[in-house]
Protein backbone atom coordinates (compact mmCIF):
# COMPACT_ATOMS: atom_id res chain seq x y z
CA MET A 1 -27.19 -168.54 -75.71
CA LYS A 2 -28.60 -165.89 -73.41
CA ILE A 3 -28.68 -162.63 -75.33
CA SER A 4 -29.60 -159.04 -74.50
CA VAL A 5 -30.49 -156.43 -77.13
CA VAL A 6 -30.43 -152.74 -76.20
CA GLY A 7 -32.76 -150.66 -78.36
CA THR A 8 -36.02 -151.77 -79.98
CA GLY A 9 -36.18 -149.78 -83.19
CA TYR A 10 -36.22 -151.52 -86.57
CA VAL A 11 -32.79 -153.04 -86.07
CA GLY A 12 -32.96 -153.97 -82.39
CA LEU A 13 -36.46 -155.41 -82.36
CA VAL A 14 -36.06 -157.42 -85.54
CA THR A 15 -32.67 -158.68 -84.37
CA GLY A 16 -34.00 -159.71 -80.98
CA VAL A 17 -37.11 -161.40 -82.32
CA SER A 18 -35.16 -163.22 -85.03
CA LEU A 19 -32.55 -164.49 -82.56
CA SER A 20 -35.34 -165.81 -80.31
CA GLU A 21 -36.93 -167.50 -83.32
CA ILE A 22 -33.78 -169.58 -83.91
CA GLY A 23 -33.71 -170.76 -80.29
CA HIS A 24 -31.84 -168.21 -78.18
CA THR A 25 -33.24 -166.64 -75.02
CA VAL A 26 -33.43 -162.92 -75.72
CA THR A 27 -34.20 -159.92 -73.53
CA CYS A 28 -34.84 -156.65 -75.33
CA ILE A 29 -34.20 -153.45 -73.37
CA ASP A 30 -35.73 -150.03 -74.01
CA ILE A 31 -36.13 -146.97 -71.79
CA ASP A 32 -39.69 -146.27 -73.05
CA GLU A 33 -42.00 -147.98 -70.53
CA ASN A 34 -45.15 -147.66 -72.66
CA LYS A 35 -43.34 -149.17 -75.63
CA VAL A 36 -42.04 -152.06 -73.51
CA ASN A 37 -45.53 -152.79 -72.11
CA LYS A 38 -46.91 -152.86 -75.64
CA MET A 39 -44.19 -155.25 -76.82
CA ARG A 40 -44.80 -157.58 -73.87
CA GLN A 41 -48.28 -158.06 -75.30
CA GLY A 42 -46.81 -159.07 -78.65
CA LYS A 43 -47.58 -155.74 -80.30
CA SER A 44 -44.81 -154.27 -82.39
CA PRO A 45 -44.35 -150.48 -82.19
CA ILE A 46 -43.27 -150.50 -85.84
CA TYR A 47 -44.99 -151.81 -88.94
CA GLU A 48 -43.04 -154.77 -90.28
CA PRO A 49 -44.85 -157.67 -92.01
CA GLY A 50 -44.75 -160.87 -89.93
CA LEU A 51 -43.12 -159.28 -86.88
CA ASP A 52 -46.13 -159.29 -84.52
CA GLU A 53 -46.81 -162.97 -85.14
CA MET A 54 -43.18 -163.94 -84.53
CA MET A 55 -43.07 -161.82 -81.36
CA THR A 56 -46.16 -163.49 -79.92
CA LYS A 57 -44.88 -166.97 -80.73
CA ASN A 58 -41.57 -166.48 -78.95
CA ILE A 59 -43.05 -164.62 -75.97
CA GLU A 60 -45.38 -167.57 -75.41
CA SER A 61 -42.40 -169.94 -75.77
CA ASN A 62 -40.53 -168.04 -73.03
CA ARG A 63 -37.66 -167.16 -75.33
CA LEU A 64 -38.42 -163.44 -75.74
CA PHE A 65 -38.63 -160.86 -72.95
CA PHE A 66 -38.82 -157.07 -72.67
CA THR A 67 -37.69 -154.74 -69.90
CA THR A 68 -36.71 -151.15 -69.08
CA ASP A 69 -34.25 -152.31 -66.41
CA HIS A 70 -30.66 -152.63 -67.66
CA LYS A 71 -29.54 -154.57 -64.59
CA GLN A 72 -32.31 -157.10 -65.06
CA GLY A 73 -31.82 -157.17 -68.83
CA PHE A 74 -28.10 -157.85 -68.64
CA GLU A 75 -28.39 -160.48 -65.91
CA GLY A 76 -26.58 -163.62 -67.06
CA ALA A 77 -26.22 -162.43 -70.65
CA ASP A 78 -23.50 -164.11 -72.72
CA VAL A 79 -23.82 -161.55 -75.50
CA ILE A 80 -25.15 -157.98 -75.49
CA TYR A 81 -26.17 -156.32 -78.76
CA ILE A 82 -26.10 -152.52 -79.04
CA ALA A 83 -28.88 -151.48 -81.44
CA VAL A 84 -29.72 -147.92 -80.43
CA GLY A 85 -30.10 -145.01 -82.83
CA THR A 86 -27.25 -142.93 -84.22
CA PRO A 87 -29.16 -139.87 -85.46
CA GLU A 88 -27.64 -137.37 -87.82
CA LYS A 89 -26.02 -134.23 -86.43
CA GLU A 90 -26.26 -130.88 -88.21
CA ASP A 91 -22.87 -131.44 -89.88
CA GLY A 92 -23.96 -134.86 -91.22
CA SER A 93 -21.93 -136.91 -88.74
CA ALA A 94 -23.48 -139.61 -86.55
CA ASN A 95 -24.53 -138.75 -83.01
CA LEU A 96 -23.05 -141.48 -80.81
CA ALA A 97 -24.48 -140.30 -77.49
CA PHE A 98 -26.89 -143.26 -77.20
CA VAL A 99 -24.20 -145.81 -78.09
CA GLU A 100 -21.81 -144.32 -75.53
CA GLN A 101 -24.49 -144.38 -72.82
CA VAL A 102 -25.20 -148.07 -73.49
CA ALA A 103 -21.47 -148.80 -73.20
CA LYS A 104 -21.48 -147.17 -69.74
CA ASP A 105 -24.63 -149.11 -68.73
CA ILE A 106 -22.98 -152.36 -69.78
CA ALA A 107 -19.81 -151.58 -67.83
CA THR A 108 -21.66 -150.85 -64.59
CA ASN A 109 -24.03 -153.84 -64.74
CA ILE A 110 -22.33 -156.94 -66.16
CA LYS A 111 -21.00 -159.55 -63.73
CA LYS A 112 -19.55 -162.15 -66.12
CA ASP A 113 -17.38 -162.32 -69.21
CA THR A 114 -19.42 -160.82 -72.06
CA ILE A 115 -19.26 -160.25 -75.80
CA VAL A 116 -20.56 -156.82 -76.78
CA VAL A 117 -21.84 -156.65 -80.36
CA THR A 118 -22.50 -153.34 -82.10
CA LYS A 119 -25.44 -153.56 -84.51
CA SER A 120 -25.97 -149.81 -84.74
CA THR A 121 -24.54 -148.10 -87.81
CA VAL A 122 -21.48 -146.30 -86.47
CA PRO A 123 -18.47 -144.48 -87.96
CA VAL A 124 -15.16 -146.27 -88.33
CA GLY A 125 -13.40 -146.43 -84.97
CA THR A 126 -16.57 -146.41 -82.84
CA ASN A 127 -16.22 -150.00 -81.66
CA HIS A 128 -12.77 -149.24 -80.30
CA LYS A 129 -14.28 -146.25 -78.50
CA VAL A 130 -17.01 -148.49 -77.05
CA LYS A 131 -14.31 -150.85 -75.78
CA GLN A 132 -12.47 -147.97 -74.09
CA ILE A 133 -15.64 -146.66 -72.42
CA ILE A 134 -16.52 -150.10 -71.09
CA HIS A 135 -13.03 -150.76 -69.72
CA ILE A 136 -12.84 -147.33 -68.05
CA ASN A 137 -16.22 -147.82 -66.34
CA LEU A 138 -16.11 -151.53 -65.43
CA VAL A 139 -17.06 -152.20 -61.79
CA ASN A 140 -16.46 -155.96 -61.83
CA ASP A 141 -13.41 -157.98 -62.85
CA VAL A 142 -14.73 -159.44 -66.11
CA LYS A 143 -13.48 -159.84 -69.67
CA VAL A 144 -15.25 -157.98 -72.48
CA ASP A 145 -14.74 -158.68 -76.20
CA ILE A 146 -16.05 -156.29 -78.85
CA VAL A 147 -17.61 -157.34 -82.15
CA SER A 148 -18.85 -155.23 -85.05
CA ASN A 149 -21.88 -156.89 -86.66
CA PRO A 150 -23.57 -154.30 -88.93
CA GLU A 151 -27.13 -154.90 -90.08
CA PHE A 152 -28.30 -155.06 -93.68
CA LEU A 153 -32.06 -155.15 -93.15
CA LYS A 154 -34.50 -153.49 -95.52
CA GLU A 155 -37.61 -151.98 -93.95
CA GLY A 156 -40.65 -153.88 -95.15
CA SER A 157 -38.69 -157.11 -95.60
CA ALA A 158 -36.54 -157.15 -92.45
CA ILE A 159 -37.71 -160.59 -91.26
CA GLU A 160 -37.08 -162.05 -94.70
CA ASP A 161 -33.63 -160.43 -94.78
CA SER A 162 -32.74 -161.89 -91.36
CA PHE A 163 -33.36 -165.43 -92.53
CA HIS A 164 -32.33 -165.10 -96.17
CA GLY A 165 -29.69 -162.37 -96.21
CA ASP A 166 -26.68 -162.27 -98.51
CA ARG A 167 -24.10 -162.28 -95.69
CA ILE A 168 -23.51 -161.68 -92.02
CA VAL A 169 -20.48 -159.47 -91.41
CA VAL A 170 -18.51 -160.10 -88.21
CA GLY A 171 -15.55 -157.90 -87.31
CA SER A 172 -13.47 -158.56 -84.20
CA GLU A 173 -9.96 -158.55 -82.77
CA SER A 174 -10.81 -161.79 -81.00
CA ALA A 175 -11.05 -164.93 -83.13
CA GLN A 176 -12.87 -166.68 -80.29
CA ALA A 177 -15.51 -163.94 -80.02
CA ALA A 178 -15.98 -163.96 -83.80
CA ASP A 179 -16.47 -167.75 -83.71
CA ILE A 180 -19.11 -167.44 -80.99
CA ILE A 181 -21.07 -164.85 -82.96
CA GLU A 182 -20.81 -167.06 -86.02
CA GLU A 183 -22.18 -169.99 -83.98
CA ILE A 184 -25.06 -167.84 -82.67
CA ASN A 185 -26.08 -166.99 -86.23
CA LYS A 186 -25.55 -170.48 -87.67
CA PRO A 187 -29.27 -171.44 -87.65
CA PHE A 188 -29.98 -168.59 -90.09
CA GLY A 189 -28.00 -170.48 -92.71
CA VAL A 190 -26.49 -167.24 -94.03
CA THR A 191 -22.83 -166.94 -95.04
CA VAL A 192 -20.68 -165.33 -92.33
CA TYR A 193 -17.87 -163.05 -93.48
CA LYS A 194 -15.21 -162.40 -90.82
CA THR A 195 -12.93 -159.39 -90.93
CA ASP A 196 -11.35 -156.79 -88.67
CA ILE A 197 -13.49 -154.31 -86.76
CA ARG A 198 -12.75 -151.21 -88.81
CA SER A 199 -13.39 -152.99 -92.10
CA ALA A 200 -16.72 -154.30 -90.78
CA GLU A 201 -17.74 -150.77 -89.82
CA MET A 202 -16.75 -149.52 -93.28
CA ILE A 203 -18.58 -152.31 -95.12
CA LYS A 204 -21.92 -151.02 -93.83
CA TYR A 205 -21.36 -147.44 -95.00
CA ALA A 206 -19.79 -148.48 -98.30
CA SER A 207 -22.69 -150.83 -99.09
CA ASN A 208 -25.40 -148.25 -98.46
CA ALA A 209 -23.46 -145.53 -100.28
CA PHE A 210 -23.08 -147.75 -103.34
CA LEU A 211 -26.78 -148.63 -103.43
CA ALA A 212 -27.68 -144.95 -103.07
CA THR A 213 -25.30 -144.24 -105.94
CA LYS A 214 -27.10 -146.75 -108.17
CA ILE A 215 -30.43 -145.08 -107.38
CA SER A 216 -29.17 -141.58 -108.13
CA PHE A 217 -27.45 -142.82 -111.27
CA ILE A 218 -30.57 -144.38 -112.78
CA ASN A 219 -32.55 -141.28 -111.83
CA GLU A 220 -30.09 -139.12 -113.75
CA ILE A 221 -30.42 -141.51 -116.69
CA SER A 222 -34.21 -141.24 -116.43
CA ASN A 223 -34.01 -137.44 -116.73
CA ILE A 224 -31.96 -137.82 -119.90
CA CYS A 225 -34.37 -140.47 -121.23
CA GLU A 226 -37.26 -138.02 -120.98
CA ARG A 227 -35.34 -135.53 -123.11
CA VAL A 228 -34.32 -138.01 -125.82
CA ASP A 229 -37.62 -140.00 -125.95
CA ALA A 230 -36.14 -143.17 -124.50
CA ASN A 231 -37.77 -145.43 -121.88
CA VAL A 232 -35.72 -145.73 -118.68
CA GLU A 233 -37.36 -149.03 -117.75
CA GLU A 234 -36.09 -150.65 -120.90
CA VAL A 235 -32.72 -148.97 -120.47
CA ALA A 236 -32.47 -150.29 -116.89
CA GLU A 237 -33.51 -153.78 -117.94
CA GLY A 238 -30.87 -153.82 -120.66
CA MET A 239 -28.25 -152.55 -118.23
CA GLY A 240 -29.22 -155.05 -115.53
CA MET A 241 -28.70 -158.00 -117.84
CA ASP A 242 -24.99 -157.27 -117.53
CA LYS A 243 -23.89 -159.36 -114.53
CA ARG A 244 -21.29 -156.76 -113.65
CA ILE A 245 -24.08 -154.23 -113.11
CA GLY A 246 -27.08 -156.26 -111.90
CA SER A 247 -30.73 -155.23 -112.00
CA GLN A 248 -31.32 -154.32 -108.35
CA PHE A 249 -31.65 -150.66 -107.36
CA LEU A 250 -32.01 -149.57 -110.98
CA LYS A 251 -35.65 -148.49 -110.64
CA ALA A 252 -36.13 -144.84 -111.54
CA GLY A 253 -38.30 -142.75 -109.26
CA ILE A 254 -38.28 -139.74 -106.98
CA GLY A 255 -35.22 -140.70 -104.97
CA TYR A 256 -34.38 -142.59 -101.81
CA GLY A 257 -35.50 -141.83 -98.27
CA GLY A 258 -35.86 -143.62 -94.96
CA SER A 259 -33.56 -144.00 -92.00
CA CYS A 260 -30.45 -145.39 -93.71
CA PHE A 261 -29.45 -144.01 -97.11
CA PRO A 262 -29.84 -140.27 -96.38
CA LYS A 263 -28.10 -140.54 -93.01
CA ASP A 264 -25.36 -142.97 -94.04
CA THR A 265 -24.37 -141.14 -97.22
CA LYS A 266 -23.95 -137.89 -95.30
CA ALA A 267 -22.08 -139.68 -92.51
CA LEU A 268 -19.64 -141.27 -94.96
CA ILE A 269 -18.98 -137.87 -96.55
CA GLN A 270 -18.22 -136.61 -93.03
CA ILE A 271 -16.00 -139.62 -92.27
CA ALA A 272 -14.02 -138.90 -95.44
CA GLY A 273 -13.80 -135.23 -94.53
CA ASN A 274 -12.40 -136.11 -91.12
CA VAL A 275 -9.37 -137.67 -92.84
CA ASP A 276 -9.04 -134.79 -95.33
CA TYR A 277 -10.64 -136.59 -98.26
CA GLU A 278 -13.33 -135.03 -100.45
CA PHE A 279 -15.83 -137.72 -101.48
CA GLU A 280 -16.98 -135.86 -104.59
CA LEU A 281 -18.93 -138.77 -106.09
CA LEU A 282 -21.05 -139.28 -102.98
CA LYS A 283 -21.70 -135.55 -102.65
CA GLY A 284 -23.12 -135.72 -106.17
CA VAL A 285 -25.33 -138.66 -105.19
CA VAL A 286 -26.81 -136.67 -102.29
CA ASN A 287 -27.40 -133.58 -104.45
CA VAL A 288 -29.07 -135.62 -107.20
CA ASN A 289 -31.42 -137.17 -104.64
CA LYS A 290 -32.45 -133.77 -103.27
CA LYS A 291 -33.23 -132.62 -106.79
CA GLN A 292 -35.13 -135.81 -107.64
CA GLN A 293 -37.52 -135.42 -104.69
CA ALA A 294 -38.83 -132.22 -106.28
CA LEU A 295 -39.35 -133.87 -109.70
CA LEU A 296 -43.11 -134.34 -109.37
CA LEU A 297 -43.57 -130.75 -108.25
CA ASN A 298 -41.70 -129.56 -111.31
CA LYS A 299 -43.86 -131.72 -113.59
CA LEU A 300 -47.01 -130.49 -111.86
CA ASN A 301 -46.00 -126.85 -112.16
CA GLU A 302 -45.33 -127.28 -115.88
CA ARG A 303 -48.84 -128.61 -116.41
CA LEU A 304 -50.67 -126.53 -113.80
CA PRO A 305 -48.75 -123.30 -113.04
CA ASP A 306 -51.39 -121.87 -110.67
CA LEU A 307 -52.08 -124.32 -107.81
CA LYS A 308 -54.07 -121.97 -105.62
CA GLY A 309 -57.33 -123.64 -104.63
CA LYS A 310 -56.56 -126.77 -106.66
CA ARG A 311 -57.27 -130.15 -105.04
CA ILE A 312 -54.20 -132.40 -105.26
CA ALA A 313 -54.36 -136.11 -104.35
CA LEU A 314 -51.18 -137.53 -102.82
CA LEU A 315 -51.03 -141.31 -103.12
CA GLY A 316 -48.55 -142.81 -100.67
CA LEU A 317 -46.73 -140.98 -97.87
CA ALA A 318 -44.16 -143.44 -96.48
CA PHE A 319 -40.71 -143.39 -98.06
CA LYS A 320 -41.32 -146.91 -99.46
CA PRO A 321 -44.08 -149.52 -99.37
CA ASN A 322 -44.55 -152.06 -96.53
CA THR A 323 -43.39 -149.62 -93.86
CA ASP A 324 -44.86 -146.75 -91.86
CA ASP A 325 -41.51 -144.93 -91.83
CA MET A 326 -41.79 -141.28 -92.83
CA ARG A 327 -38.13 -140.37 -92.32
CA GLU A 328 -36.79 -138.41 -95.32
CA ALA A 329 -39.93 -139.30 -97.29
CA ALA A 330 -40.54 -137.32 -100.48
CA SER A 331 -44.06 -136.57 -99.23
CA ILE A 332 -42.60 -134.12 -96.69
CA VAL A 333 -41.02 -131.94 -99.38
CA VAL A 334 -44.03 -132.26 -101.68
CA THR A 335 -46.65 -131.30 -99.09
CA GLU A 336 -44.64 -128.30 -97.86
CA ASN A 337 -44.38 -126.88 -101.37
CA LEU A 338 -47.99 -127.61 -102.33
CA ILE A 339 -49.28 -125.84 -99.22
CA LYS A 340 -47.05 -122.84 -99.92
CA ALA A 341 -48.57 -122.70 -103.40
CA GLY A 342 -52.09 -122.64 -101.95
CA ALA A 343 -53.15 -126.14 -102.97
CA GLU A 344 -55.65 -128.28 -101.10
CA ILE A 345 -54.10 -131.68 -100.29
CA VAL A 346 -55.97 -134.95 -99.83
CA ALA A 347 -53.54 -137.76 -98.97
CA PHE A 348 -53.80 -141.53 -98.71
CA ASP A 349 -51.42 -144.10 -97.27
CA PRO A 350 -52.58 -147.55 -96.11
CA ILE A 351 -50.18 -147.70 -93.14
CA ALA A 352 -48.23 -144.47 -92.52
CA THR A 353 -51.08 -141.99 -91.92
CA GLU A 354 -50.65 -141.71 -88.14
CA ASN A 355 -46.90 -141.11 -88.45
CA ALA A 356 -47.55 -138.66 -91.27
CA LYS A 357 -49.87 -136.60 -89.08
CA THR A 358 -46.99 -135.91 -86.68
CA LEU A 359 -44.74 -134.62 -89.48
CA LEU A 360 -46.94 -133.02 -92.11
CA SER A 361 -48.89 -129.78 -91.95
CA GLU A 362 -52.24 -129.71 -90.18
CA LYS A 363 -53.66 -128.46 -93.47
CA VAL A 364 -53.23 -131.91 -95.06
CA ASN A 365 -56.50 -133.87 -95.29
CA TYR A 366 -56.49 -137.67 -95.22
CA ALA A 367 -58.60 -140.15 -97.16
CA GLU A 368 -59.53 -143.72 -96.28
CA SER A 369 -58.67 -145.03 -99.74
CA ALA A 370 -56.84 -144.09 -102.90
CA GLU A 371 -60.18 -143.80 -104.69
CA GLU A 372 -61.47 -141.31 -102.12
CA ALA A 373 -58.35 -139.17 -102.48
CA ILE A 374 -58.51 -139.17 -106.27
CA LYS A 375 -62.21 -138.37 -106.63
CA GLY A 376 -62.76 -134.71 -107.54
CA SER A 377 -59.05 -133.87 -107.63
CA ASP A 378 -57.32 -131.65 -110.18
CA ALA A 379 -54.22 -133.86 -110.17
CA ALA A 380 -53.00 -137.06 -108.53
CA LEU A 381 -49.36 -137.51 -107.51
CA ILE A 382 -48.04 -141.01 -106.76
CA LEU A 383 -45.26 -140.98 -104.16
CA THR A 384 -45.19 -144.57 -102.88
CA GLU A 385 -45.77 -147.77 -104.83
CA TRP A 386 -48.16 -149.50 -102.43
CA ASP A 387 -50.16 -152.39 -103.89
CA GLU A 388 -53.32 -150.50 -102.90
CA ILE A 389 -52.23 -147.75 -105.27
CA LYS A 390 -50.89 -149.92 -108.07
CA ASN A 391 -54.14 -151.89 -108.07
CA VAL A 392 -56.51 -148.92 -107.86
CA ASN A 393 -59.60 -149.20 -110.03
CA ARG A 394 -58.59 -147.25 -113.13
CA GLU A 395 -62.14 -146.00 -113.63
CA VAL A 396 -61.63 -143.69 -110.64
CA PHE A 397 -59.63 -141.37 -112.89
CA ASP A 398 -62.90 -140.55 -114.64
CA THR A 399 -64.09 -138.93 -111.40
CA MET A 400 -61.30 -136.32 -111.37
CA ASN A 401 -61.92 -132.70 -112.34
CA TYR A 402 -59.26 -133.36 -114.92
CA PRO A 403 -57.52 -136.74 -115.13
CA LEU A 404 -53.89 -135.66 -114.60
CA VAL A 405 -51.75 -138.37 -112.99
CA ILE A 406 -48.08 -137.78 -112.22
CA ASP A 407 -46.48 -141.07 -111.18
CA GLY A 408 -43.23 -140.81 -109.23
CA ARG A 409 -42.81 -144.59 -108.98
CA ASN A 410 -43.82 -145.79 -112.45
CA CYS A 411 -46.65 -147.87 -111.01
CA PHE A 412 -48.70 -148.18 -114.20
CA LYS A 413 -47.87 -149.63 -117.60
CA LEU A 414 -47.81 -147.12 -120.43
CA GLU A 415 -49.91 -149.37 -122.67
CA GLU A 416 -52.64 -149.55 -120.06
CA MET A 417 -52.73 -145.79 -119.47
CA ARG A 418 -52.94 -145.09 -123.21
CA GLU A 419 -56.25 -146.92 -123.24
CA ARG A 420 -57.76 -144.61 -120.64
CA ARG A 421 -58.90 -141.00 -120.77
CA VAL A 422 -56.03 -139.77 -118.63
CA GLU A 423 -53.02 -137.52 -118.97
CA TYR A 424 -50.17 -139.51 -117.51
CA HIS A 425 -46.60 -138.49 -116.70
CA SER A 426 -44.07 -140.80 -115.09
CA VAL A 427 -40.29 -140.91 -114.54
CA GLY A 428 -38.00 -141.45 -117.51
CA ARG A 429 -40.81 -142.60 -119.80
CA PRO A 430 -42.86 -140.93 -122.56
CA SER A 431 -45.86 -138.86 -121.45
CA ILE A 432 -49.37 -139.83 -122.51
CA ASN A 433 -52.19 -137.55 -123.74
CA ASN A 434 -50.15 -134.43 -123.11
CA ASP A 435 -52.90 -131.90 -123.97
CA PHE A 436 -53.31 -130.38 -120.51
CA LYS A 437 -52.57 -126.75 -121.48
CA LYS A 438 -55.16 -126.80 -124.24
CA ILE A 439 -57.88 -128.06 -121.92
CA TYR A 440 -57.04 -125.61 -119.14
CA ALA A 441 -56.54 -122.63 -121.46
């Protein structure tokens, strides 16, 4: 198949590269000329393990191309994927301006029958709107079928998810179009679930909202565990052994971030509101997550009320490991509050530093390693569970002004930390060596 993919963010680029890997000829389209030139050289504009290598392989095999020209990009395409962003509006709803513009570009450029596939996360009813826009603006007498094919990729493991996902959802009014999309994806060896368009659109939002709910739920449980001297890790493990519950997304921490969960939960609340339904449960999930992002600050303030002039090490800045994505990362909230309190921040992240510099205060200093950030600090806060942080040489805590570690991702085992001269606080687990006030008195 000859395929075009419009948009080269996480979803579009990974989709295009993966489709070329299984044998299709793919042209990826983006309006950013510098970005396109970089991708033509096999350099991914995003950090995603294994993506650069797969790009280079398929470029050299003449299966993967990049362009800024829609006319050239759509030339001869059997299928066009829409994978542009749907950023959040002030009211929480999805901004569909980019999707609508792509629909117009498709209508004015295609010269043959085409299947248009929406990969972007869009509210229920958007695919029907895309169909209307295309039909209103068509300049040639061609047939266009619309398919909803939401993505379920996790940043940091997107390539793995493409080839070993749980399901591929295909929603269409045309059985023939659905069959063609199923055939395109057959080499992935992933189960294809066919449904109607509106249900496919809803599956994406419902899935992300449910996973966000599990995260907020276990975080609420962790807050109770701290107050009743229970260990949330053992609680979660015991819960997860129940097949009805499952163990995934039951890891307590400082909440979810990134490009999907925050945006999609708010969008689903807005979708419900548009049909006069109050999604009270999901509103609670969002509120719990906001509160959880401030958890480490609360713990720090309890142990060190006056932060003025104190050196605080921040370990991890990205919203999760194996990505450079800073969207909705807890580090944004944490740094803002620490700077307001007069603290000196020294931060380390193995990948996300450059992106962090565009979002965080100029007052934030950056270290080349976790050890460098920790040395001479008055407290160390762990925000992202990078391997470089989990595997830090524990002896570095001896170089702190006072060895206070507040772990927002439960990176270290309690038994191990008990053996060290360190005051250690984590999420939903007992604190260790809690004599901070005495030492600082």
